[in-house]
Amino acid sequence: MSGWLTIAGLGPGAESMITPEVTHTLESATDVVGYLPYVERVPSRPGLVRHGSDNREEIRRAEHALQMAADGHRVVVVSSGDPGVFAMASAVFEAVESGKADWRTLDIRVLPGVSAMLAASARVGAPLGHDFCCINLSDNLKPWLLIEKRLCLAAEADFAMAFYNPRSRARPEGFAEALAVLRDMCGPDRLIVFARAVSTDEEDVHVTTLGEATADMADMRTLVIVGSSQTRRIERSGTPLVYTPRSAP
């Protein structure tokens, strides 16, 4: 049996946001590998083995998946959102580069998914409608000084900014520091969007300003978007519309 490995995105949460291509691939897989909550989003069925693991086991998880594919299994490594955005695609290729020679000959594919960044943006309108950047605020794999430098440069360049992993129990202070940097660089009136658990039953979306924002408005399930100086807010009943114009002065 010829094995293969596919790295697939399950989207932000709702089953309707999983692409047909990913669904079709999961139907033909013998094994699904990933962070346990994501693996559990894949329905159990005869002939499918689900391999869930802890959140910080990315390289070991990737090596396990690659070896199963080398042994003839049809393996799907799952991530939430898009697998190429702060997710498992990079971990798999890191493992390929440093791992066994025969892993480089495997049939490896990456299937995109709807990222949390794009799902959150769509919920409020189009805050990423012009130039933007995306930054992971976790300092688990990079130093805080590098994060702070990138925040300052992105603000100076007047990008709209999307932030992943803003705050966790293990990192309760980092997001407060990030907000302080952004207030200093952008001013208190800059728009900020907190979009938690988009497309799930726990979805909560809130639009405010940097001056009103507090660190406890975010957790690890929150995608945060800070607008550029051109980002606009349109008031209406319910959640306001937020968009960044297509052109810059």
C-alpha atoms as a PDB file:
ATOM      1  CA  MET A   1       0.000   0.000   0.000  1.00  0.00           C
ATOM      2  CA  SER A   2       1.337   3.431  -0.987  1.00  0.00           C
ATOM      3  CA  GLY A   3       1.124   5.901   1.863  1.00  0.00           C
ATOM      4  CA  TRP A   4       0.663   9.652   1.749  1.00  0.00           C
ATOM      5  CA  LEU A   5       0.499  12.571   4.132  1.00  0.00           C
ATOM      6  CA  THR A   6      -1.840  15.547   3.881  1.00  0.00           C
ATOM      7  CA  ILE A   7      -1.737  18.582   6.163  1.00  0.00           C
ATOM      8  CA  ALA A   8      -5.250  20.001   6.318  1.00  0.00           C
ATOM      9  CA  GLY A   9      -7.033  22.973   7.841  1.00  0.00           C
ATOM     10  CA  LEU A  10     -10.362  22.397   9.617  1.00  0.00           C
ATOM     11  CA  GLY A  11     -11.354  26.059   9.568  1.00  0.00           C
ATOM     12  CA  PRO A  12     -12.219  28.169  12.623  1.00  0.00           C
ATOM     13  CA  GLY A  13     -14.842  25.881  14.158  1.00  0.00           C
ATOM     14  CA  ALA A  14     -18.048  25.361  12.206  1.00  0.00           C
ATOM     15  CA  GLU A  15     -18.294  22.194  10.142  1.00  0.00           C
ATOM     16  CA  SER A  16     -19.705  24.277   7.284  1.00  0.00           C
ATOM     17  CA  MET A  17     -16.361  26.085   7.022  1.00  0.00           C
ATOM     18  CA  ILE A  18     -14.380  22.908   6.290  1.00  0.00           C
ATOM     19  CA  THR A  19     -13.631  22.839   2.567  1.00  0.00           C
ATOM     20  CA  PRO A  20     -15.005  19.992   0.410  1.00  0.00           C
ATOM     21  CA  GLU A  21     -11.419  19.079  -0.523  1.00  0.00           C
ATOM     22  CA  VAL A  22     -10.497  18.544   3.131  1.00  0.00           C
ATOM     23  CA  THR A  23     -13.704  16.559   3.777  1.00  0.00           C
ATOM     24  CA  HIS A  24     -12.998  14.275   0.807  1.00  0.00           C
ATOM     25  CA  THR A  25      -9.420  13.665   1.961  1.00  0.00           C
ATOM     26  CA  LEU A  26     -10.507  12.824   5.507  1.00  0.00           C
ATOM     27  CA  GLU A  27     -12.936  10.251   4.097  1.00  0.00           C
ATOM     28  CA  SER A  28     -10.038   8.324   2.531  1.00  0.00           C
ATOM     29  CA  ALA A  29      -7.592   8.611   5.459  1.00  0.00           C
ATOM     30  CA  THR A  30      -6.542   5.701   7.667  1.00  0.00           C
ATOM     31  CA  ASP A  31      -5.106   7.966  10.376  1.00  0.00           C
ATOM     32  CA  VAL A  32      -5.737  11.488  11.662  1.00  0.00           C
ATOM     33  CA  VAL A  33      -3.039  13.207  13.709  1.00  0.00           C
ATOM     34  CA  GLY A  34      -3.168  16.469  15.634  1.00  0.00           C
ATOM     35  CA  TYR A  35      -3.827  18.398  18.816  1.00  0.00           C
ATOM     36  CA  LEU A  36      -6.502  16.442  20.682  1.00  0.00           C
ATOM     37  CA  PRO A  37      -9.374  19.009  20.440  1.00  0.00           C
ATOM     38  CA  TYR A  38      -8.823  19.274  16.675  1.00  0.00           C
ATOM     39  CA  VAL A  39      -8.630  15.503  16.171  1.00  0.00           C
ATOM     40  CA  GLU A  40     -11.910  15.146  18.052  1.00  0.00           C
ATOM     41  CA  ARG A  41     -13.566  17.400  15.460  1.00  0.00           C
ATOM     42  CA  VAL A  42     -13.071  14.594  12.919  1.00  0.00           C
ATOM     43  CA  PRO A  43     -15.929  12.052  13.248  1.00  0.00           C
ATOM     44  CA  SER A  44     -14.923   8.553  14.254  1.00  0.00           C
ATOM     45  CA  ARG A  45     -15.583   5.785  11.723  1.00  0.00           C
ATOM     46  CA  PRO A  46     -14.466   2.206  11.020  1.00  0.00           C
ATOM     47  CA  GLY A  47     -10.991   2.114   9.480  1.00  0.00           C
ATOM     48  CA  LEU A  48      -9.916   5.455  10.919  1.00  0.00           C
ATOM     49  CA  VAL A  49      -7.503   5.786  13.845  1.00  0.00           C
ATOM     50  CA  ARG A  50      -7.408   9.170  15.587  1.00  0.00           C
ATOM     51  CA  HIS A  51      -4.082  10.133  17.211  1.00  0.00           C
ATOM     52  CA  GLY A  52      -4.571  13.109  19.567  1.00  0.00           C
ATOM     53  CA  SER A  53      -1.689  14.697  21.467  1.00  0.00           C
ATOM     54  CA  ASP A  54      -0.789  17.667  23.640  1.00  0.00           C
ATOM     55  CA  ASN A  55      -0.551  21.218  22.322  1.00  0.00           C
ATOM     56  CA  ARG A  56       3.262  21.419  22.508  1.00  0.00           C
ATOM     57  CA  GLU A  57       4.034  18.125  20.770  1.00  0.00           C
ATOM     58  CA  GLU A  58       4.226  19.520  17.233  1.00  0.00           C
ATOM     59  CA  ILE A  59       7.546  18.031  16.094  1.00  0.00           C
ATOM     60  CA  ARG A  60       6.947  14.648  17.727  1.00  0.00           C
ATOM     61  CA  ARG A  61       3.453  14.651  16.190  1.00  0.00           C
ATOM     62  CA  ALA A  62       4.882  15.466  12.765  1.00  0.00           C
ATOM     63  CA  GLU A  63       7.511  12.727  13.013  1.00  0.00           C
ATOM     64  CA  HIS A  64       4.856  10.192  14.007  1.00  0.00           C
ATOM     65  CA  ALA A  65       2.702  11.174  11.033  1.00  0.00           C
ATOM     66  CA  LEU A  66       5.605  11.016   8.593  1.00  0.00           C
ATOM     67  CA  GLN A  67       6.654   7.574   9.770  1.00  0.00           C
ATOM     68  CA  MET A  68       3.116   6.235   9.481  1.00  0.00           C
ATOM     69  CA  ALA A  69       2.940   7.582   5.924  1.00  0.00           C
ATOM     70  CA  ALA A  70       6.299   5.954   5.163  1.00  0.00           C
ATOM     71  CA  ASP A  71       4.848   2.686   6.485  1.00  0.00           C
ATOM     72  CA  GLY A  72       1.964   2.897   4.014  1.00  0.00           C
ATOM     73  CA  HIS A  73      -0.736   4.707   5.963  1.00  0.00           C
ATOM     74  CA  ARG A  74      -2.911   7.454   4.505  1.00  0.00           C
ATOM     75  CA  VAL A  75      -2.370  10.189   7.081  1.00  0.00           C
ATOM     76  CA  VAL A  76      -4.046  13.558   7.586  1.00  0.00           C
ATOM     77  CA  VAL A  77      -2.428  16.002  10.015  1.00  0.00           C
ATOM     78  CA  VAL A  78      -5.123  18.438  11.096  1.00  0.00           C
ATOM     79  CA  SER A  79      -4.919  22.022  12.330  1.00  0.00           C
ATOM     80  CA  SER A  80      -7.630  24.529  13.090  1.00  0.00           C
ATOM     81  CA  GLY A  81      -7.964  27.384  10.632  1.00  0.00           C
ATOM     82  CA  ASP A  82      -5.352  27.148   7.900  1.00  0.00           C
ATOM     83  CA  PRO A  83      -2.467  24.681   8.427  1.00  0.00           C
ATOM     84  CA  GLY A  84       0.074  27.140   7.033  1.00  0.00           C
ATOM     85  CA  VAL A  85      -0.766  29.964   9.474  1.00  0.00           C
ATOM     86  CA  PHE A  86       0.974  29.346  12.830  1.00  0.00           C
ATOM     87  CA  ALA A  87       0.028  25.671  12.564  1.00  0.00           C
ATOM     88  CA  MET A  88       1.219  22.196  11.615  1.00  0.00           C
ATOM     89  CA  ALA A  89       2.459  22.664   8.039  1.00  0.00           C
ATOM     90  CA  SER A  90       5.701  24.317   9.148  1.00  0.00           C
ATOM     91  CA  ALA A  91       6.233  21.688  11.861  1.00  0.00           C
ATOM     92  CA  VAL A  92       5.883  18.869   9.332  1.00  0.00           C
ATOM     93  CA  PHE A  93       8.388  20.427   6.964  1.00  0.00           C
ATOM     94  CA  GLU A  94      10.816  21.084   9.818  1.00  0.00           C
ATOM     95  CA  ALA A  95      10.588  17.371  10.601  1.00  0.00           C
ATOM     96  CA  VAL A  96      11.071  16.450   6.934  1.00  0.00           C
ATOM     97  CA  GLU A  97      14.190  18.613   6.645  1.00  0.00           C
ATOM     98  CA  SER A  98      15.850  17.183   9.757  1.00  0.00           C
ATOM     99  CA  GLY A  99      14.440  13.656   9.577  1.00  0.00           C
ATOM    100  CA  LYS A 100      14.856  10.426   7.637  1.00  0.00           C
ATOM    101  CA  ALA A 101      15.906  10.575   3.999  1.00  0.00           C
ATOM    102  CA  ASP A 102      12.927   8.537   2.794  1.00  0.00           C
ATOM    103  CA  TRP A 103      10.494  11.075   4.253  1.00  0.00           C
ATOM    104  CA  ARG A 104      11.532  13.455   1.450  1.00  0.00           C
ATOM    105  CA  THR A 105      10.141  11.051  -1.146  1.00  0.00           C
ATOM    106  CA  LEU A 106       6.665  10.904   0.410  1.00  0.00           C
ATOM    107  CA  ASP A 107       3.549  12.268  -1.279  1.00  0.00           C
ATOM    108  CA  ILE A 108       2.943  15.322   0.942  1.00  0.00           C
ATOM    109  CA  ARG A 109       0.189  17.851   0.286  1.00  0.00           C
ATOM    110  CA  VAL A 110      -1.125  20.911   2.099  1.00  0.00           C
ATOM    111  CA  LEU A 111      -4.844  21.695   1.931  1.00  0.00           C
ATOM    112  CA  PRO A 112      -5.809  25.243   2.929  1.00  0.00           C
ATOM    113  CA  GLY A 113      -8.542  26.133   5.377  1.00  0.00           C
ATOM    114  CA  VAL A 114     -10.451  29.234   6.445  1.00  0.00           C
ATOM    115  CA  SER A 115      -8.124  30.955   8.913  1.00  0.00           C
ATOM    116  CA  ALA A 116      -9.345  32.500  12.163  1.00  0.00           C
ATOM    117  CA  MET A 117      -7.985  35.805  10.886  1.00  0.00           C
ATOM    118  CA  LEU A 118     -10.202  35.773   7.801  1.00  0.00           C
ATOM    119  CA  ALA A 119     -13.240  34.429   9.650  1.00  0.00           C
ATOM    120  CA  ALA A 120     -12.920  37.162  12.291  1.00  0.00           C
ATOM    121  CA  SER A 121     -12.449  39.857   9.657  1.00  0.00           C
ATOM    122  CA  ALA A 122     -15.568  38.697   7.820  1.00  0.00           C
ATOM    123  CA  ARG A 123     -17.664  38.868  10.987  1.00  0.00           C
ATOM    124  CA  VAL A 124     -17.218  42.643  11.268  1.00  0.00           C
ATOM    125  CA  GLY A 125     -16.830  43.582   7.604  1.00  0.00           C
ATOM    126  CA  ALA A 126     -13.419  44.121   6.034  1.00  0.00           C
ATOM    127  CA  PRO A 127     -10.845  45.467   8.537  1.00  0.00           C
ATOM    128  CA  LEU A 128      -8.124  43.709   6.507  1.00  0.00           C
ATOM    129  CA  GLY A 129      -9.346  45.291   3.280  1.00  0.00           C
ATOM    130  CA  HIS A 130      -6.029  47.018   2.566  1.00  0.00           C
ATOM    131  CA  ASP A 131      -2.415  46.158   3.497  1.00  0.00           C
ATOM    132  CA  PHE A 132      -2.157  44.181   6.716  1.00  0.00           C
ATOM    133  CA  CYS A 133       0.191  41.948   8.681  1.00  0.00           C
ATOM    134  CA  CYS A 134      -0.303  38.978  10.989  1.00  0.00           C
ATOM    135  CA  ILE A 135       1.685  38.417  14.203  1.00  0.00           C
ATOM    136  CA  ASN A 136       1.670  35.562  16.703  1.00  0.00           C
ATOM    137  CA  LEU A 137       1.921  37.121  20.178  1.00  0.00           C
ATOM    138  CA  SER A 138       3.082  33.905  21.852  1.00  0.00           C
ATOM    139  CA  ASP A 139       6.687  34.057  23.025  1.00  0.00           C
ATOM    140  CA  ASN A 140       6.996  30.261  23.365  1.00  0.00           C
ATOM    141  CA  LEU A 141       9.072  29.979  20.188  1.00  0.00           C
ATOM    142  CA  LYS A 142      10.498  33.481  19.870  1.00  0.00           C
ATOM    143  CA  PRO A 143      11.671  36.168  22.324  1.00  0.00           C
ATOM    144  CA  TRP A 144       9.365  38.925  23.485  1.00  0.00           C
ATOM    145  CA  LEU A 145      11.831  41.574  22.276  1.00  0.00           C
ATOM    146  CA  LEU A 146      11.311  40.340  18.703  1.00  0.00           C
ATOM    147  CA  ILE A 147       7.527  40.529  19.114  1.00  0.00           C
ATOM    148  CA  GLU A 148       7.789  44.064  20.461  1.00  0.00           C
ATOM    149  CA  LYS A 149      10.043  45.096  17.565  1.00  0.00           C
ATOM    150  CA  ARG A 150       7.587  43.733  15.031  1.00  0.00           C
ATOM    151  CA  LEU A 151       4.670  45.460  16.752  1.00  0.00           C
ATOM    152  CA  CYS A 152       6.478  48.794  16.588  1.00  0.00           C
ATOM    153  CA  LEU A 153       7.486  48.398  12.943  1.00  0.00           C
ATOM    154  CA  ALA A 154       4.001  47.259  11.885  1.00  0.00           C
ATOM    155  CA  ALA A 155       2.435  50.227  13.677  1.00  0.00           C
ATOM    156  CA  GLU A 156       4.982  52.609  12.142  1.00  0.00           C
ATOM    157  CA  ALA A 157       4.177  51.231   8.685  1.00  0.00           C
ATOM    158  CA  ASP A 158       0.460  51.788   9.442  1.00  0.00           C
ATOM    159  CA  PHE A 159      -0.634  48.226   8.722  1.00  0.00           C
ATOM    160  CA  ALA A 160      -3.877  46.817   9.969  1.00  0.00           C
ATOM    161  CA  MET A 161      -2.748  43.996  12.255  1.00  0.00           C
ATOM    162  CA  ALA A 162      -4.157  40.567  13.101  1.00  0.00           C
ATOM    163  CA  PHE A 163      -2.916  38.886  16.276  1.00  0.00           C
ATOM    164  CA  TYR A 164      -2.980  35.190  17.083  1.00  0.00           C
ATOM    165  CA  ASN A 165      -2.519  33.699  20.580  1.00  0.00           C
ATOM    166  CA  PRO A 166      -2.828  37.018  22.409  1.00  0.00           C
ATOM    167  CA  ARG A 167      -3.126  35.756  25.973  1.00  0.00           C
ATOM    168  CA  SER A 168      -3.036  32.520  27.943  1.00  0.00           C
ATOM    169  CA  ARG A 169      -2.862  31.402  31.563  1.00  0.00           C
ATOM    170  CA  ALA A 170       0.870  30.813  31.116  1.00  0.00           C
ATOM    171  CA  ARG A 171       1.348  34.251  29.500  1.00  0.00           C
ATOM    172  CA  PRO A 172      -1.070  36.615  31.299  1.00  0.00           C
ATOM    173  CA  GLU A 173       1.086  39.751  30.987  1.00  0.00           C
ATOM    174  CA  GLY A 174       2.250  39.735  27.360  1.00  0.00           C
ATOM    175  CA  PHE A 175      -0.946  41.027  25.804  1.00  0.00           C
ATOM    176  CA  ALA A 176      -1.132  43.918  28.276  1.00  0.00           C
ATOM    177  CA  GLU A 177       2.373  44.890  27.187  1.00  0.00           C
ATOM    178  CA  ALA A 178       1.360  44.591  23.536  1.00  0.00           C
ATOM    179  CA  LEU A 179      -1.629  46.878  24.102  1.00  0.00           C
ATOM    180  CA  ALA A 180       0.636  49.410  25.802  1.00  0.00           C
ATOM    181  CA  VAL A 181       3.024  49.388  22.834  1.00  0.00           C
ATOM    182  CA  LEU A 182       0.146  49.820  20.383  1.00  0.00           C
ATOM    183  CA  ARG A 183      -1.454  52.650  22.367  1.00  0.00           C
ATOM    184  CA  ASP A 184       1.901  54.427  22.444  1.00  0.00           C
ATOM    185  CA  MET A 185       2.453  53.971  18.696  1.00  0.00           C
ATOM    186  CA  CYS A 186      -1.115  54.334  17.384  1.00  0.00           C
ATOM    187  CA  GLY A 187      -2.978  56.427  19.961  1.00  0.00           C
ATOM    188  CA  PRO A 188      -6.064  55.580  22.023  1.00  0.00           C
ATOM    189  CA  ASP A 189      -8.645  56.063  19.246  1.00  0.00           C
ATOM    190  CA  ARG A 190      -7.402  53.246  16.989  1.00  0.00           C
ATOM    191  CA  LEU A 191     -10.082  50.599  16.406  1.00  0.00           C
ATOM    192  CA  ILE A 192      -9.587  47.102  17.797  1.00  0.00           C
ATOM    193  CA  VAL A 193     -11.714  43.990  17.258  1.00  0.00           C
ATOM    194  CA  PHE A 194     -11.897  41.059  19.677  1.00  0.00           C
ATOM    195  CA  ALA A 195     -13.323  37.993  17.936  1.00  0.00           C
ATOM    196  CA  ARG A 196     -13.558  34.926  20.159  1.00  0.00           C
ATOM    197  CA  ALA A 197     -14.441  31.403  18.960  1.00  0.00           C
ATOM    198  CA  VAL A 198     -15.798  32.631  15.627  1.00  0.00           C
ATOM    199  CA  SER A 199     -18.315  30.268  13.968  1.00  0.00           C
ATOM    200  CA  THR A 200     -18.913  28.260  17.173  1.00  0.00           C
ATOM    201  CA  ASP A 201     -21.687  28.396  19.771  1.00  0.00           C
ATOM    202  CA  GLU A 202     -19.329  30.430  21.978  1.00  0.00           C
ATOM    203  CA  GLU A 203     -18.726  33.168  19.423  1.00  0.00           C
ATOM    204  CA  ASP A 204     -18.323  36.645  20.886  1.00  0.00           C
ATOM    205  CA  VAL A 205     -17.289  39.652  18.788  1.00  0.00           C
ATOM    206  CA  HIS A 206     -16.618  43.070  20.279  1.00  0.00           C
ATOM    207  CA  VAL A 207     -15.415  46.297  18.622  1.00  0.00           C
ATOM    208  CA  THR A 208     -13.787  49.020  20.709  1.00  0.00           C
ATOM    209  CA  THR A 209     -10.714  51.287  20.743  1.00  0.00           C
ATOM    210  CA  LEU A 210      -7.194  50.835  22.043  1.00  0.00           C
ATOM    211  CA  GLY A 211      -7.978  53.358  24.770  1.00  0.00           C
ATOM    212  CA  GLU A 212     -10.873  51.217  26.017  1.00  0.00           C
ATOM    213  CA  ALA A 213      -9.285  47.813  25.448  1.00  0.00           C
ATOM    214  CA  THR A 214      -8.054  45.713  28.372  1.00  0.00           C
ATOM    215  CA  ALA A 215      -5.972  42.551  28.364  1.00  0.00           C
ATOM    216  CA  ASP A 216      -8.728  40.417  29.877  1.00  0.00           C
ATOM    217  CA  MET A 217     -10.853  40.919  26.757  1.00  0.00           C
ATOM    218  CA  ALA A 218      -8.748  38.223  25.028  1.00  0.00           C
ATOM    219  CA  ASP A 219      -7.729  34.625  25.599  1.00  0.00           C
ATOM    220  CA  MET A 220      -6.173  31.893  23.446  1.00  0.00           C
ATOM    221  CA  ARG A 221      -9.410  31.469  21.480  1.00  0.00           C
ATOM    222  CA  THR A 222      -9.541  35.163  20.574  1.00  0.00           C
ATOM    223  CA  LEU A 223      -8.356  36.627  17.295  1.00  0.00           C
ATOM    224  CA  VAL A 224      -7.538  40.321  17.712  1.00  0.00           C
ATOM    225  CA  ILE A 225      -7.515  42.821  14.858  1.00  0.00           C
ATOM    226  CA  VAL A 226      -6.164  46.365  15.199  1.00  0.00           C
ATOM    227  CA  GLY A 227      -7.021  48.699  12.367  1.00  0.00           C
ATOM    228  CA  SER A 228      -4.743  51.079  10.498  1.00  0.00           C
ATOM    229  CA  SER A 229      -5.131  54.844  10.783  1.00  0.00           C
ATOM    230  CA  GLN A 230      -7.563  54.627   7.844  1.00  0.00           C
ATOM    231  CA  THR A 231      -9.847  51.925   9.276  1.00  0.00           C
ATOM    232  CA  ARG A 232     -13.447  53.060   9.607  1.00  0.00           C
ATOM    233  CA  ARG A 233     -16.356  52.132  11.895  1.00  0.00           C
ATOM    234  CA  ILE A 234     -19.961  52.246  10.654  1.00  0.00           C
ATOM    235  CA  GLU A 235     -22.486  52.344  13.466  1.00  0.00           C
ATOM    236  CA  ARG A 236     -25.681  50.309  13.182  1.00  0.00           C
ATOM    237  CA  SER A 237     -27.832  48.169  15.467  1.00  0.00           C
ATOM    238  CA  GLY A 238     -25.792  45.273  16.847  1.00  0.00           C
ATOM    239  CA  THR A 239     -22.105  44.847  16.034  1.00  0.00           C
ATOM    240  CA  PRO A 240     -20.806  47.821  14.020  1.00  0.00           C
ATOM    241  CA  LEU A 241     -19.238  47.349  10.609  1.00  0.00           C
ATOM    242  CA  VAL A 242     -15.476  47.854  10.431  1.00  0.00           C
ATOM    243  CA  TYR A 243     -13.558  48.231   7.190  1.00  0.00           C
ATOM    244  CA  THR A 244     -10.283  49.571   5.837  1.00  0.00           C
ATOM    245  CA  PRO A 245     -10.634  51.493   2.549  1.00  0.00           C
ATOM    246  CA  ARG A 246      -8.998  50.021  -0.541  1.00  0.00           C
ATOM    247  CA  SER A 247      -6.818  53.062  -1.146  1.00  0.00           C
ATOM    248  CA  ALA A 248      -4.398  55.040   1.015  1.00  0.00           C
ATOM    249  CA  PRO A 249      -3.851  58.801   0.913  1.00  0.00           C
END
